[in-house]
PDB file of N, CA and C in Angstrom:
ATOM      1  N   MET A   1      16.336  -3.875  17.590  1.00  0.00           N
ATOM      2  CA  MET A   1      14.902  -4.012  16.884  1.00  0.00           C
ATOM      3  C   MET A   1      14.496  -5.059  16.806  1.00  0.00           C
ATOM      4  N   GLU A   2      13.246  -5.071  16.851  1.00  0.00           N
ATOM      5  CA  GLU A   2      12.827  -6.346  16.819  1.00  0.00           C
ATOM      6  C   GLU A   2      12.585  -7.259  15.506  1.00  0.00           C
ATOM      7  N   ASN A   3      12.519  -8.649  14.867  1.00  0.00           N
ATOM      8  CA  ASN A   3      12.467  -8.718  13.561  1.00  0.00           C
ATOM      9  C   ASN A   3      11.088  -9.288  13.774  1.00  0.00           C
ATOM     10  N   LYS A   4      10.019  -8.850  13.524  1.00  0.00           N
ATOM     11  CA  LYS A   4       8.517  -9.302  14.003  1.00  0.00           C
ATOM     12  C   LYS A   4       8.495  -9.856  12.440  1.00  0.00           C
ATOM     13  N   GLU A   5       7.260 -11.154  12.187  1.00  0.00           N
ATOM     14  CA  GLU A   5       6.853 -11.716  11.294  1.00  0.00           C
ATOM     15  C   GLU A   5       5.911 -11.133  10.871  1.00  0.00           C
ATOM     16  N   LYS A   6       5.681 -10.908   9.408  1.00  0.00           N
ATOM     17  CA  LYS A   6       4.528 -10.021   9.037  1.00  0.00           C
ATOM     18  C   LYS A   6       3.370 -10.876   8.930  1.00  0.00           C
ATOM     19  N   PHE A   7       2.040  -9.972   9.314  1.00  0.00           N
ATOM     20  CA  PHE A   7       0.856 -10.644   9.932  1.00  0.00           C
ATOM     21  C   PHE A   7       0.274 -11.476   8.243  1.00  0.00           C
ATOM     22  N   ARG A   8      -0.189 -12.898   8.469  1.00  0.00           N
ATOM     23  CA  ARG A   8      -0.666 -13.410   7.159  1.00  0.00           C
ATOM     24  C   ARG A   8      -2.159 -13.773   7.271  1.00  0.00           C
ATOM     25  N   PRO A   9      -3.007 -13.528   6.495  1.00  0.00           N
ATOM     26  CA  PRO A   9      -4.215 -14.047   7.079  1.00  0.00           C
ATOM     27  C   PRO A   9      -4.117 -15.221   6.348  1.00  0.00           C
ATOM     28  N   ASP A  10      -5.690 -15.853   6.802  1.00  0.00           N
ATOM     29  CA  ASP A  10      -6.279 -17.443   6.628  1.00  0.00           C
ATOM     30  C   ASP A  10      -6.032 -17.325   5.585  1.00  0.00           C
ATOM     31  N   PRO A  11      -5.149 -18.377   4.560  1.00  0.00           N
ATOM     32  CA  PRO A  11      -5.236 -18.651   3.335  1.00  0.00           C
ATOM     33  C   PRO A  11      -6.797 -19.496   2.710  1.00  0.00           C
ATOM     34  N   GLN A  12      -7.672 -20.290   3.703  1.00  0.00           N
ATOM     35  CA  GLN A  12      -8.625 -20.705   3.488  1.00  0.00           C
ATOM     36  C   GLN A  12     -10.011 -19.810   3.613  1.00  0.00           C
ATOM     37  N   LEU A  13      -9.854 -18.375   3.794  1.00  0.00           N
ATOM     38  CA  LEU A  13     -10.954 -17.361   4.020  1.00  0.00           C
ATOM     39  C   LEU A  13     -10.964 -16.928   2.154  1.00  0.00           C
ATOM     40  N   ARG A  14     -11.950 -16.573   1.835  1.00  0.00           N
ATOM     41  CA  ARG A  14     -12.230 -15.917   0.650  1.00  0.00           C
ATOM     42  C   ARG A  14     -11.285 -14.464   0.496  1.00  0.00           C
ATOM     43  N   LEU A  15     -11.137 -14.203  -0.597  1.00  0.00           N
ATOM     44  CA  LEU A  15     -10.330 -13.033  -1.246  1.00  0.00           C
ATOM     45  C   LEU A  15     -10.295 -11.627  -0.172  1.00  0.00           C
ATOM     46  N   MET A  16     -11.894 -11.626   0.102  1.00  0.00           N
ATOM     47  CA  MET A  16     -12.529  -9.921   0.539  1.00  0.00           C
ATOM     48  C   MET A  16     -11.933 -10.262   2.463  1.00  0.00           C
ATOM     49  N   ASP A  17     -12.515 -11.659   2.653  1.00  0.00           N
ATOM     50  CA  ASP A  17     -12.456 -11.598   4.063  1.00  0.00           C
ATOM     51  C   ASP A  17     -10.892 -11.842   4.635  1.00  0.00           C
ATOM     52  N   GLN A  18      -9.990 -12.346   3.865  1.00  0.00           N
ATOM     53  CA  GLN A  18      -8.721 -12.097   4.081  1.00  0.00           C
ATOM     54  C   GLN A  18      -8.423 -10.306   3.831  1.00  0.00           C
ATOM     55  N   VAL A  19      -9.128  -9.613   3.494  1.00  0.00           N
ATOM     56  CA  VAL A  19      -8.453  -8.031   2.923  1.00  0.00           C
ATOM     57  C   VAL A  19      -9.016  -7.693   4.934  1.00  0.00           C
ATOM     58  N   ARG A  20     -10.489  -8.156   4.915  1.00  0.00           N
ATOM     59  CA  ARG A  20     -11.083  -7.686   6.450  1.00  0.00           C
ATOM     60  C   ARG A  20     -10.508  -7.664   7.707  1.00  0.00           C
ATOM     61  N   GLN A  21      -9.625  -9.395   7.267  1.00  0.00           N
ATOM     62  CA  GLN A  21      -8.924  -9.783   8.672  1.00  0.00           C
ATOM     63  C   GLN A  21      -7.522  -9.137   8.678  1.00  0.00           C
ATOM     64  N   VAL A  22      -6.626  -8.284   7.656  1.00  0.00           N
ATOM     65  CA  VAL A  22      -6.107  -7.588   7.487  1.00  0.00           C
ATOM     66  C   VAL A  22      -6.093  -6.029   7.775  1.00  0.00           C
ATOM     67  N   MET A  23      -6.723  -5.885   7.904  1.00  0.00           N
ATOM     68  CA  MET A  23      -7.419  -4.621   8.006  1.00  0.00           C
ATOM     69  C   MET A  23      -8.151  -4.164   9.562  1.00  0.00           C
ATOM     70  N   ARG A  24      -8.470  -5.179   9.933  1.00  0.00           N
ATOM     71  CA  ARG A  24      -8.665  -5.598  11.763  1.00  0.00           C
ATOM     72  C   ARG A  24      -7.948  -5.791  12.510  1.00  0.00           C
ATOM     73  N   TYR A  25      -6.815  -6.334  11.607  1.00  0.00           N
ATOM     74  CA  TYR A  25      -5.336  -6.903  12.490  1.00  0.00           C
ATOM     75  C   TYR A  25      -5.069  -5.837  12.745  1.00  0.00           C
ATOM     76  N   HIS A  26      -4.570  -4.509  11.929  1.00  0.00           N
ATOM     77  CA  HIS A  26      -3.989  -3.435  11.829  1.00  0.00           C
ATOM     78  C   HIS A  26      -5.030  -2.491  12.556  1.00  0.00           C
ATOM     79  N   HIS A  27      -6.451  -2.647  13.239  1.00  0.00           N
ATOM     80  CA  HIS A  27      -7.165  -2.011  13.227  1.00  0.00           C
ATOM     81  C   HIS A  27      -7.484  -0.571  12.797  1.00  0.00           C
ATOM     82  N   TYR A  28      -7.821  -0.900  11.644  1.00  0.00           N
ATOM     83  CA  TYR A  28      -8.098   0.428  10.609  1.00  0.00           C
ATOM     84  C   TYR A  28      -9.728   0.587  11.218  1.00  0.00           C
ATOM     85  N   ALA A  29     -10.515   1.662  11.436  1.00  0.00           N
ATOM     86  CA  ALA A  29     -11.434   1.729  11.231  1.00  0.00           C
ATOM     87  C   ALA A  29     -12.901   1.345  10.617  1.00  0.00           C
ATOM     88  N   TYR A  30     -13.904   1.314  10.846  1.00  0.00           N
ATOM     89  CA  TYR A  30     -15.029  -0.093  10.402  1.00  0.00           C
ATOM     90  C   TYR A  30     -15.292   0.615   8.915  1.00  0.00           C
ATOM     91  N   ARG A  31     -14.915   2.341   8.760  1.00  0.00           N
ATOM     92  CA  ARG A  31     -14.939   3.016   7.437  1.00  0.00           C
ATOM     93  C   ARG A  31     -14.285   2.733   6.071  1.00  0.00           C
ATOM     94  N   ILE A  32     -13.398   2.545   6.900  1.00  0.00           N
ATOM     95  CA  ILE A  32     -11.493   2.967   5.893  1.00  0.00           C
ATOM     96  C   ILE A  32     -12.160   1.319   5.463  1.00  0.00           C
ATOM     97  N   GLU A  33     -12.165   0.433   6.362  1.00  0.00           N
ATOM     98  CA  GLU A  33     -12.152  -0.923   5.668  1.00  0.00           C
ATOM     99  C   GLU A  33     -13.229  -1.066   4.781  1.00  0.00           C
ATOM    100  N   LYS A  34     -14.337  -0.425   5.185  1.00  0.00           N
ATOM    101  CA  LYS A  34     -15.525  -0.531   4.087  1.00  0.00           C
ATOM    102  C   LYS A  34     -15.513   0.043   2.893  1.00  0.00           C
ATOM    103  N   MET A  35     -14.514   1.395   3.048  1.00  0.00           N
ATOM    104  CA  MET A  35     -13.606   2.161   1.338  1.00  0.00           C
ATOM    105  C   MET A  35     -13.011   1.130   0.865  1.00  0.00           C
ATOM    106  N   TYR A  36     -12.227   0.856   1.234  1.00  0.00           N
ATOM    107  CA  TYR A  36     -11.278  -0.034   0.552  1.00  0.00           C
ATOM    108  C   TYR A  36     -11.872  -1.119  -0.121  1.00  0.00           C
ATOM    109  N   CYS A  37     -12.205  -2.038   0.715  1.00  0.00           N
ATOM    110  CA  CYS A  37     -13.440  -3.617   0.071  1.00  0.00           C
ATOM    111  C   CYS A  37     -14.047  -2.726  -0.834  1.00  0.00           C
ATOM    112  N   ASP A  38     -14.915  -1.656  -0.750  1.00  0.00           N
ATOM    113  CA  ASP A  38     -15.533  -0.877  -2.174  1.00  0.00           C
ATOM    114  C   ASP A  38     -14.600  -1.008  -3.128  1.00  0.00           C
ATOM    115  N   TRP A  39     -13.416  -0.408  -2.960  1.00  0.00           N
ATOM    116  CA  TRP A  39     -12.721  -0.003  -4.117  1.00  0.00           C
ATOM    117  C   TRP A  39     -12.308  -1.487  -4.586  1.00  0.00           C
ATOM    118  N   ILE A  40     -11.911  -2.123  -4.207  1.00  0.00           N
ATOM    119  CA  ILE A  40     -11.129  -3.315  -4.353  1.00  0.00           C
ATOM    120  C   ILE A  40     -12.343  -4.411  -5.491  1.00  0.00           C
ATOM    121  N   VAL A  41     -13.634  -4.399  -4.972  1.00  0.00           N
ATOM    122  CA  VAL A  41     -15.080  -5.259  -5.224  1.00  0.00           C
ATOM    123  C   VAL A  41     -15.222  -4.273  -6.871  1.00  0.00           C
ATOM    124  N   ARG A  42     -14.791  -2.718  -7.211  1.00  0.00           N
ATOM    125  CA  ARG A  42     -15.160  -2.549  -7.893  1.00  0.00           C
ATOM    126  C   ARG A  42     -14.114  -2.416  -8.881  1.00  0.00           C
ATOM    127  N   TYR A  43     -12.794  -2.494  -8.504  1.00  0.00           N
ATOM    128  CA  TYR A  43     -11.803  -3.366  -9.580  1.00  0.00           C
ATOM    129  C   TYR A  43     -12.252  -4.716 -10.218  1.00  0.00           C
ATOM    130  N   ILE A  44     -12.119  -5.062  -9.413  1.00  0.00           N
ATOM    131  CA  ILE A  44     -12.640  -6.803  -9.754  1.00  0.00           C
ATOM    132  C   ILE A  44     -13.655  -6.621 -10.681  1.00  0.00           C
ATOM    133  N   LYS A  45     -15.173  -6.103 -10.220  1.00  0.00           N
ATOM    134  CA  LYS A  45     -15.701  -6.213 -11.025  1.00  0.00           C
ATOM    135  C   LYS A  45     -15.760  -5.205 -12.438  1.00  0.00           C
ATOM    136  N   PHE A  46     -14.827  -4.091 -12.546  1.00  0.00           N
ATOM    137  CA  PHE A  46     -14.399  -3.795 -13.787  1.00  0.00           C
ATOM    138  C   PHE A  46     -13.852  -4.537 -15.018  1.00  0.00           C
ATOM    139  N   HIS A  47     -13.324  -5.655 -14.332  1.00  0.00           N
ATOM    140  CA  HIS A  47     -12.503  -6.806 -15.152  1.00  0.00           C
ATOM    141  C   HIS A  47     -13.189  -7.661 -15.367  1.00  0.00           C
ATOM    142  N   GLY A  48     -14.274  -7.672 -15.093  1.00  0.00           N
ATOM    143  CA  GLY A  48     -15.309  -8.778 -15.345  1.00  0.00           C
ATOM    144  C   GLY A  48     -15.046  -9.909 -14.567  1.00  0.00           C
ATOM    145  N   ASP A  49     -14.845 -10.013 -13.250  1.00  0.00           N
ATOM    146  CA  ASP A  49     -14.743 -11.109 -12.146  1.00  0.00           C
ATOM    147  C   ASP A  49     -14.159 -12.717 -12.689  1.00  0.00           C
ATOM    148  N   LYS A  50     -13.378 -12.234 -13.679  1.00  0.00           N
ATOM    149  CA  LYS A  50     -12.675 -13.519 -14.077  1.00  0.00           C
ATOM    150  C   LYS A  50     -11.549 -13.785 -14.092  1.00  0.00           C
ATOM    151  N   LYS A  51     -10.340 -12.431 -13.491  1.00  0.00           N
ATOM    152  CA  LYS A  51      -9.229 -12.467 -12.942  1.00  0.00           C
ATOM    153  C   LYS A  51      -8.949 -12.498 -11.465  1.00  0.00           C
ATOM    154  N   HIS A  52      -8.441 -13.034 -10.559  1.00  0.00           N
ATOM    155  CA  HIS A  52      -8.031 -12.804  -8.927  1.00  0.00           C
ATOM    156  C   HIS A  52      -7.005 -11.651  -9.222  1.00  0.00           C
ATOM    157  N   PRO A  53      -7.254 -10.454  -8.091  1.00  0.00           N
ATOM    158  CA  PRO A  53      -6.190  -9.098  -8.405  1.00  0.00           C
ATOM    159  C   PRO A  53      -4.668  -9.834  -8.369  1.00  0.00           C
ATOM    160  N   ARG A  54      -4.212 -10.876  -8.004  1.00  0.00           N
ATOM    161  CA  ARG A  54      -2.992 -11.340  -7.205  1.00  0.00           C
ATOM    162  C   ARG A  54      -2.217 -11.613  -8.597  1.00  0.00           C
ATOM    163  N   ASP A  55      -3.240 -12.111 -10.085  1.00  0.00           N
ATOM    164  CA  ASP A  55      -3.171 -12.053 -11.069  1.00  0.00           C
ATOM    165  C   ASP A  55      -3.291 -10.957 -12.136  1.00  0.00           C
ATOM    166  N   MET A  56      -3.330  -9.985 -11.774  1.00  0.00           N
ATOM    167  CA  MET A  56      -3.752  -8.475 -12.718  1.00  0.00           C
ATOM    168  C   MET A  56      -2.130  -7.746 -12.723  1.00  0.00           C
ATOM    169  N   ALA A  57      -2.117  -6.974 -13.278  1.00  0.00           N
ATOM    170  CA  ALA A  57      -0.434  -6.015 -13.398  1.00  0.00           C
ATOM    171  C   ALA A  57      -1.015  -4.805 -13.525  1.00  0.00           C
ATOM    172  N   LYS A  58       0.264  -4.146 -13.984  1.00  0.00           N
ATOM    173  CA  LYS A  58      -0.034  -2.789 -13.970  1.00  0.00           C
ATOM    174  C   LYS A  58      -1.133  -2.212 -14.929  1.00  0.00           C
ATOM    175  N   GLY A  59      -1.403  -2.852 -15.808  1.00  0.00           N
ATOM    176  CA  GLY A  59      -1.710  -2.260 -16.985  1.00  0.00           C
ATOM    177  C   GLY A  59      -3.979  -2.399 -16.809  1.00  0.00           C
ATOM    178  N   GLU A  60      -3.282  -3.611 -15.840  1.00  0.00           N
ATOM    179  CA  GLU A  60      -5.198  -3.380 -14.759  1.00  0.00           C
ATOM    180  C   GLU A  60      -5.048  -2.145 -14.917  1.00  0.00           C
ATOM    181  N   ILE A  61      -4.803  -2.102 -13.621  1.00  0.00           N
ATOM    182  CA  ILE A  61      -5.003  -0.920 -12.779  1.00  0.00           C
ATOM    183  C   ILE A  61      -4.733   0.113 -13.397  1.00  0.00           C
ATOM    184  N   GLU A  62      -4.136   0.940 -14.778  1.00  0.00           N
ATOM    185  CA  GLU A  62      -3.900   1.816 -15.169  1.00  0.00           C
ATOM    186  C   GLU A  62      -5.564   1.827 -15.957  1.00  0.00           C
ATOM    187  N   ALA A  63      -5.819   1.043 -16.521  1.00  0.00           N
ATOM    188  CA  ALA A  63      -7.403   0.915 -17.168  1.00  0.00           C
ATOM    189  C   ALA A  63      -8.478   1.278 -16.352  1.00  0.00           C
ATOM    190  N   PHE A  64      -8.498   0.958 -15.143  1.00  0.00           N
ATOM    191  CA  PHE A  64      -9.407   1.236 -14.223  1.00  0.00           C
ATOM    192  C   PHE A  64      -9.454   2.339 -14.015  1.00  0.00           C
ATOM    193  N   ILE A  65      -8.343   3.061 -13.463  1.00  0.00           N
ATOM    194  CA  ILE A  65      -8.064   4.385 -13.041  1.00  0.00           C
ATOM    195  C   ILE A  65      -8.060   5.276 -13.839  1.00  0.00           C
ATOM    196  N   SER A  66      -7.803   4.690 -15.588  1.00  0.00           N
ATOM    197  CA  SER A  66      -8.362   5.327 -16.461  1.00  0.00           C
ATOM    198  C   SER A  66      -9.587   5.636 -17.087  1.00  0.00           C
ATOM    199  N   HIS A  67     -10.669   4.552 -16.457  1.00  0.00           N
ATOM    200  CA  HIS A  67     -11.884   3.974 -16.622  1.00  0.00           C
ATOM    201  C   HIS A  67     -12.345   5.301 -15.478  1.00  0.00           C
ATOM    202  N   LEU A  68     -12.114   5.195 -14.533  1.00  0.00           N
ATOM    203  CA  LEU A  68     -12.746   6.452 -13.507  1.00  0.00           C
ATOM    204  C   LEU A  68     -12.729   7.818 -13.647  1.00  0.00           C
ATOM    205  N   ALA A  69     -11.341   8.269 -14.121  1.00  0.00           N
ATOM    206  CA  ALA A  69     -11.155  10.019 -14.267  1.00  0.00           C
ATOM    207  C   ALA A  69     -12.455   9.895 -16.034  1.00  0.00           C
ATOM    208  N   THR A  70     -12.414   9.425 -16.790  1.00  0.00           N
ATOM    209  CA  THR A  70     -12.856   9.424 -18.028  1.00  0.00           C
ATOM    210  C   THR A  70     -14.444   9.435 -18.181  1.00  0.00           C
ATOM    211  N   HIS A  71     -14.415   7.874 -17.320  1.00  0.00           N
ATOM    212  CA  HIS A  71     -16.262   7.677 -17.507  1.00  0.00           C
ATOM    213  C   HIS A  71     -17.097   8.294 -16.117  1.00  0.00           C
ATOM    214  N   GLU A  72     -16.353   8.318 -15.199  1.00  0.00           N
ATOM    215  CA  GLU A  72     -17.051   8.333 -13.841  1.00  0.00           C
ATOM    216  C   GLU A  72     -16.845   9.701 -13.125  1.00  0.00           C
ATOM    217  N   ASN A  73     -15.929  10.713 -13.848  1.00  0.00           N
ATOM    218  CA  ASN A  73     -15.631  12.020 -13.599  1.00  0.00           C
ATOM    219  C   ASN A  73     -14.627  12.153 -11.971  1.00  0.00           C
ATOM    220  N   VAL A  74     -13.804  11.017 -11.678  1.00  0.00           N
ATOM    221  CA  VAL A  74     -13.318  10.807 -10.119  1.00  0.00           C
ATOM    222  C   VAL A  74     -11.957  11.620 -10.132  1.00  0.00           C
ATOM    223  N   ALA A  75     -11.590  11.999  -9.114  1.00  0.00           N
ATOM    224  CA  ALA A  75     -10.844  13.869  -8.820  1.00  0.00           C
ATOM    225  C   ALA A  75      -9.405  12.547  -8.812  1.00  0.00           C
ATOM    226  N   ALA A  76      -8.343  13.448  -9.423  1.00  0.00           N
ATOM    227  CA  ALA A  76      -6.754  12.661  -9.897  1.00  0.00           C
ATOM    228  C   ALA A  76      -6.714  12.178  -8.137  1.00  0.00           C
ATOM    229  N   SER A  77      -6.922  12.975  -7.552  1.00  0.00           N
ATOM    230  CA  SER A  77      -6.474  12.829  -6.278  1.00  0.00           C
ATOM    231  C   SER A  77      -7.361  11.171  -5.608  1.00  0.00           C
ATOM    232  N   THR A  78      -8.217  11.273  -5.879  1.00  0.00           N
ATOM    233  CA  THR A  78      -9.177   9.854  -5.790  1.00  0.00           C
ATOM    234  C   THR A  78      -8.531   8.586  -6.332  1.00  0.00           C
ATOM    235  N   GLY A  79      -7.902   9.169  -7.422  1.00  0.00           N
ATOM    236  CA  GLY A  79      -7.369   8.159  -8.457  1.00  0.00           C
ATOM    237  C   GLY A  79      -6.075   7.300  -7.941  1.00  0.00           C
ATOM    238  N   CYS A  80      -5.355   8.401  -7.258  1.00  0.00           N
ATOM    239  CA  CYS A  80      -4.187   8.078  -6.364  1.00  0.00           C
ATOM    240  C   CYS A  80      -4.335   7.368  -5.504  1.00  0.00           C
ATOM    241  N   PHE A  81      -5.243   7.585  -4.685  1.00  0.00           N
ATOM    242  CA  PHE A  81      -5.922   6.681  -3.042  1.00  0.00           C
ATOM    243  C   PHE A  81      -5.894   5.750  -3.938  1.00  0.00           C
ATOM    244  N   VAL A  82      -6.863   5.317  -4.914  1.00  0.00           N
ATOM    245  CA  VAL A  82      -7.561   4.062  -5.557  1.00  0.00           C
ATOM    246  C   VAL A  82      -5.882   2.807  -6.200  1.00  0.00           C
ATOM    247  N   ILE A  83      -5.250   3.834  -6.433  1.00  0.00           N
ATOM    248  CA  ILE A  83      -3.816   2.914  -6.795  1.00  0.00           C
ATOM    249  C   ILE A  83      -3.179   2.536  -5.533  1.00  0.00           C
ATOM    250  N   PHE A  84      -3.277   3.312  -4.419  1.00  0.00           N
ATOM    251  CA  PHE A  84      -2.545   2.486  -2.773  1.00  0.00           C
ATOM    252  C   PHE A  84      -3.646   1.593  -2.367  1.00  0.00           C
ATOM    253  N   VAL A  85      -4.366   1.765  -2.498  1.00  0.00           N
ATOM    254  CA  VAL A  85      -5.674   0.947  -2.187  1.00  0.00           C
ATOM    255  C   VAL A  85      -5.162  -0.498  -2.937  1.00  0.00           C
ATOM    256  N   LEU A  86      -5.336  -0.869  -4.407  1.00  0.00           N
ATOM    257  CA  LEU A  86      -5.177  -1.969  -5.148  1.00  0.00           C
ATOM    258  C   LEU A  86      -3.462  -2.090  -5.003  1.00  0.00           C
ATOM    259  N   SER A  87      -2.477  -1.474  -4.633  1.00  0.00           N
ATOM    260  CA  SER A  87      -1.061  -2.004  -4.893  1.00  0.00           C
ATOM    261  C   SER A  87      -0.367  -2.734  -3.512  1.00  0.00           C
TER     262      SER A  87
END
């Protein structure tokens, strides 16, 4: 079995450009890429654009999911998907 090195995006790029670079490396469909990016941007904006997602923890994800469920009527399955995207 080969021991392939994990793909690393260009650290000079901004966060969302890094996300897109990784998704394109793995050949995700454009619509999936857009959906993932939209959820990530919503998550960042929910927390006031003050922290980088790498500096956020489980509590911030739970607060976002709770907000989606209580204020935006997002289905539980969508909440699970958002947790997957943000993990």
